[in-house]
Amino acid sequence: MHWLNSQAFTLFGQHIVWSDMIGNTIGLIALALGWRRSIWTWPAQLASGAILLVAFATAHLSGSAGKQLVVIAVAAWGWWQWNRGKEKAQDGSLAVRFATWRERGYLVAAAALGTLAVGGLFTVLPALSWDPWPDAYIFVGTVVAMYAQARGMVEFWFAWLLVDLVGVPLNFTNGFAFSGFVYVIYGALVLWGMRDWWLRSRTAAQPVLEGAPA
């Protein structure tokens, strides 16, 4: 596995390592598959998480490394969740929807309390992370986003946008330039995917007229 942490090339003065490049490329594919509501988004996220775990662990970013462990666990659960829920849409595809106000409240509360708890832990134990609060924010935000994605909530795209706002500068600062570049592309895909899921959720919410084909 040593070659995964070696330098692949230099881009704009930034050193690109193999694990960072491969893991984030697969992650980008996973996001595109999520936009298409393909079940293959989850095994792609599993593979991306395993490779990035190696990258972040060697950089002493415990929050980001821990995030990848959560990515792997939630990806397995999301895979099962999407398989179970595929029949909910009339066309046989995954049904997507907006969260209820109560669910949104739970997501926001979980993100806030989780960030405070994890950030506090990293602050008390500085050996776990050299950038505790951004690290904690990304860790918890990713968990919330993946949970919402597994439940088919449109809000998961908003959660990814909020993670990207911190993830881009953090990755550049800590030497993961390829992650920073890819996160810019993530932003475009997130906006595109958000629009697609938004429109599909509105279509799914429209009642079928009596006598009309389902």
Protein backbone atom coordinates (compact mmCIF):
# COMPACT_ATOMS: atom_id res chain seq x y z
CA MET A 1 0.00 0.00 0.00
CA HIS A 2 3.04 2.31 0.21
CA TRP A 3 2.65 3.49 -3.38
CA LEU A 4 -0.80 4.95 -2.57
CA ASN A 5 0.86 7.59 -0.42
CA SER A 6 3.58 8.43 -2.94
CA GLN A 7 3.53 11.47 -5.21
CA ALA A 8 1.88 11.02 -8.60
CA PHE A 9 2.78 14.41 -10.11
CA THR A 10 2.90 18.14 -9.40
CA LEU A 11 0.10 20.47 -10.51
CA PHE A 12 0.33 24.27 -10.16
CA GLY A 13 3.04 23.79 -7.57
CA GLN A 14 0.90 21.36 -5.53
CA HIS A 15 2.05 17.78 -4.91
CA ILE A 16 -0.61 15.26 -5.94
CA VAL A 17 -0.49 11.88 -4.19
CA TRP A 18 -1.98 8.71 -5.65
CA SER A 19 -4.42 7.98 -2.81
CA ASP A 20 -5.81 11.52 -2.88
CA MET A 21 -6.25 11.44 -6.66
CA ILE A 22 -7.73 7.94 -6.99
CA GLY A 23 -10.00 8.19 -3.94
CA ASN A 24 -11.47 11.53 -4.95
CA THR A 25 -11.92 10.52 -8.58
CA ILE A 26 -13.98 7.54 -7.45
CA GLY A 27 -15.82 9.85 -5.04
CA LEU A 28 -16.63 12.16 -7.92
CA ILE A 29 -18.04 9.22 -9.88
CA ALA A 30 -20.07 8.22 -6.81
CA LEU A 31 -21.58 11.71 -6.61
CA ALA A 32 -22.51 11.61 -10.31
CA LEU A 33 -24.14 8.21 -9.78
CA GLY A 34 -26.03 9.66 -6.81
CA TRP A 35 -27.35 12.42 -9.04
CA ARG A 36 -28.57 9.71 -11.46
CA ARG A 37 -30.07 7.84 -8.47
CA SER A 38 -28.04 4.77 -9.41
CA ILE A 39 -27.58 2.07 -6.77
CA TRP A 40 -23.90 1.92 -7.81
CA THR A 41 -23.26 5.18 -5.99
CA TRP A 42 -22.89 3.18 -2.77
CA PRO A 43 -20.20 0.64 -3.78
CA ALA A 44 -18.34 3.56 -5.38
CA GLN A 45 -18.49 5.44 -2.07
CA LEU A 46 -17.24 2.32 -0.28
CA ALA A 47 -14.20 2.14 -2.55
CA SER A 48 -13.52 5.88 -2.28
CA GLY A 49 -13.78 5.76 1.50
CA ALA A 50 -11.31 2.88 1.78
CA ILE A 51 -8.68 4.63 -0.34
CA LEU A 52 -9.10 8.06 1.30
CA LEU A 53 -8.87 6.43 4.72
CA VAL A 54 -5.27 5.59 3.87
CA ALA A 55 -4.60 9.12 2.62
CA PHE A 56 -6.00 11.03 5.60
CA ALA A 57 -4.67 8.65 8.25
CA THR A 58 -1.09 9.28 7.10
CA ALA A 59 -1.69 13.06 7.18
CA HIS A 60 -2.76 12.98 10.85
CA LEU A 61 -6.25 14.23 9.98
CA SER A 62 -8.15 11.98 12.38
CA GLY A 63 -11.51 13.63 11.71
CA SER A 64 -11.22 13.15 7.96
CA ALA A 65 -9.90 9.61 8.42
CA GLY A 66 -12.72 8.83 10.84
CA LYS A 67 -15.11 10.29 8.32
CA GLN A 68 -14.03 7.66 5.82
CA LEU A 69 -14.80 4.90 8.33
CA VAL A 70 -18.27 6.38 8.67
CA VAL A 71 -18.51 6.67 4.86
CA ILE A 72 -17.84 2.95 4.58
CA ALA A 73 -20.41 2.05 7.25
CA VAL A 74 -23.11 4.44 5.99
CA ALA A 75 -22.50 3.41 2.37
CA ALA A 76 -23.28 -0.20 3.31
CA TRP A 77 -26.46 0.95 5.10
CA GLY A 78 -27.41 3.30 2.24
CA TRP A 79 -26.97 0.49 -0.27
CA TRP A 80 -29.44 -1.62 1.71
CA GLN A 81 -31.77 1.36 2.20
CA TRP A 82 -31.94 2.19 -1.49
CA ASN A 83 -32.53 -1.44 -2.44
CA ARG A 84 -35.41 -1.56 0.00
CA GLY A 85 -36.94 1.71 -1.19
CA LYS A 86 -36.58 1.46 -4.97
CA GLU A 87 -40.16 0.30 -5.50
CA LYS A 88 -41.60 3.46 -3.92
CA ALA A 89 -41.46 5.48 -7.16
CA GLN A 90 -44.05 4.86 -9.85
CA ASP A 91 -41.44 4.46 -12.59
CA GLY A 92 -39.51 1.90 -10.55
CA SER A 93 -36.66 4.30 -9.71
CA LEU A 94 -35.65 5.62 -6.32
CA ALA A 95 -38.26 7.93 -4.83
CA VAL A 96 -36.83 11.29 -3.70
CA ARG A 97 -38.52 13.86 -1.49
CA PHE A 98 -37.99 16.92 0.65
CA ALA A 99 -37.57 16.24 4.35
CA THR A 100 -40.33 17.31 6.72
CA TRP A 101 -39.67 20.30 8.96
CA ARG A 102 -39.24 17.94 11.89
CA GLU A 103 -36.67 15.90 9.97
CA ARG A 104 -34.83 19.08 9.00
CA GLY A 105 -34.75 20.10 12.64
CA TYR A 106 -33.25 16.73 13.57
CA LEU A 107 -30.62 17.03 10.82
CA VAL A 108 -29.58 20.54 11.88
CA ALA A 109 -29.52 19.60 15.57
CA ALA A 110 -27.49 16.47 14.87
CA ALA A 111 -25.00 18.47 12.79
CA ALA A 112 -24.61 21.20 15.43
CA LEU A 113 -24.37 18.92 18.46
CA GLY A 114 -22.18 16.42 16.63
CA THR A 115 -19.74 19.13 15.54
CA LEU A 116 -19.55 20.53 19.08
CA ALA A 117 -18.95 17.06 20.53
CA VAL A 118 -16.34 15.95 17.99
CA GLY A 119 -14.65 19.37 17.88
CA GLY A 120 -14.49 19.40 21.66
CA LEU A 121 -12.93 15.95 21.66
CA PHE A 122 -10.29 17.02 19.13
CA THR A 123 -9.57 20.13 21.19
CA VAL A 124 -9.12 18.20 24.42
CA LEU A 125 -7.03 15.57 22.61
CA PRO A 126 -5.00 17.63 20.10
CA ALA A 127 -3.11 14.53 18.98
CA LEU A 128 -6.26 13.48 17.12
CA SER A 129 -6.23 16.45 14.75
CA TRP A 130 -4.16 19.57 14.06
CA ASP A 131 -7.23 21.48 12.76
CA PRO A 132 -9.97 20.29 15.13
CA TRP A 133 -13.03 22.38 14.34
CA PRO A 134 -12.95 22.28 10.52
CA ASP A 135 -12.06 18.59 10.76
CA ALA A 136 -15.04 17.95 13.06
CA TYR A 137 -17.36 20.01 10.84
CA ILE A 138 -16.48 17.96 7.75
CA PHE A 139 -16.72 14.69 9.65
CA VAL A 140 -20.18 15.35 11.06
CA GLY A 141 -21.46 17.13 7.93
CA THR A 142 -20.58 14.14 5.81
CA VAL A 143 -22.45 11.79 8.14
CA VAL A 144 -25.54 14.00 7.98
CA ALA A 145 -25.34 14.31 4.18
CA MET A 146 -24.98 10.56 3.64
CA TYR A 147 -27.84 9.81 6.02
CA ALA A 148 -30.10 12.22 4.12
CA GLN A 149 -28.99 10.70 0.80
CA ALA A 150 -29.79 7.19 2.02
CA ARG A 151 -33.29 8.39 2.98
CA GLY A 152 -33.77 9.98 -0.45
CA MET A 153 -33.97 13.53 0.91
CA VAL A 154 -33.25 16.44 -1.42
CA GLU A 155 -31.60 18.21 1.52
CA PHE A 156 -28.56 15.96 1.22
CA TRP A 157 -27.34 18.18 -1.63
CA PHE A 158 -27.51 21.26 0.62
CA ALA A 159 -25.52 19.39 3.26
CA TRP A 160 -22.79 18.55 0.73
CA LEU A 161 -22.56 22.21 -0.31
CA LEU A 162 -22.00 23.24 3.31
CA VAL A 163 -19.31 20.57 3.69
CA ASP A 164 -17.57 21.75 0.50
CA LEU A 165 -17.35 25.33 1.77
CA VAL A 166 -14.95 24.17 4.47
CA GLY A 167 -13.52 21.12 2.70
CA VAL A 168 -11.93 23.03 -0.19
CA PRO A 169 -9.65 25.35 1.86
CA LEU A 170 -8.91 22.61 4.42
CA ASN A 171 -7.71 20.20 1.73
CA PHE A 172 -5.45 22.81 0.10
CA THR A 173 -4.05 23.82 3.48
CA ASN A 174 -3.20 20.24 4.44
CA GLY A 175 -1.57 19.28 1.15
CA PHE A 176 -4.46 17.45 -0.53
CA ALA A 177 -4.58 19.69 -3.58
CA PHE A 178 -6.35 17.16 -5.78
CA SER A 179 -9.16 16.97 -3.21
CA GLY A 180 -9.45 20.75 -3.39
CA PHE A 181 -9.64 20.75 -7.19
CA VAL A 182 -12.16 17.91 -7.20
CA TYR A 183 -14.33 19.65 -4.61
CA VAL A 184 -14.79 22.51 -7.07
CA ILE A 185 -16.20 19.98 -9.57
CA TYR A 186 -18.25 18.52 -6.71
CA GLY A 187 -19.85 21.94 -6.31
CA ALA A 188 -21.03 21.98 -9.92
CA LEU A 189 -22.36 18.41 -9.70
CA VAL A 190 -24.11 19.18 -6.42
CA LEU A 191 -25.96 22.13 -7.96
CA TRP A 192 -26.91 20.03 -10.98
CA GLY A 193 -28.00 17.10 -8.83
CA MET A 194 -29.93 19.37 -6.49
CA ARG A 195 -31.93 20.73 -9.40
CA ASP A 196 -32.69 17.24 -10.73
CA TRP A 197 -33.81 15.85 -7.36
CA TRP A 198 -35.79 19.01 -6.64
CA LEU A 199 -37.75 18.66 -9.88
CA ARG A 200 -38.29 14.93 -9.36
CA SER A 201 -39.56 15.48 -5.83
CA ARG A 202 -42.13 17.99 -7.13
CA THR A 203 -43.23 15.56 -9.85
CA ALA A 204 -43.56 12.72 -7.34
CA ALA A 205 -45.66 14.92 -5.07
CA GLN A 206 -48.24 15.67 -7.79
CA PRO A 207 -51.38 13.52 -7.40
CA VAL A 208 -52.31 11.13 -10.21
CA LEU A 209 -55.66 12.10 -11.74
CA GLU A 210 -58.42 9.52 -11.47
CA GLY A 211 -58.59 7.43 -14.65
CA ALA A 212 -55.11 8.50 -15.74
CA PRO A 213 -52.46 5.83 -16.22
CA ALA A 214 -50.18 5.46 -13.21
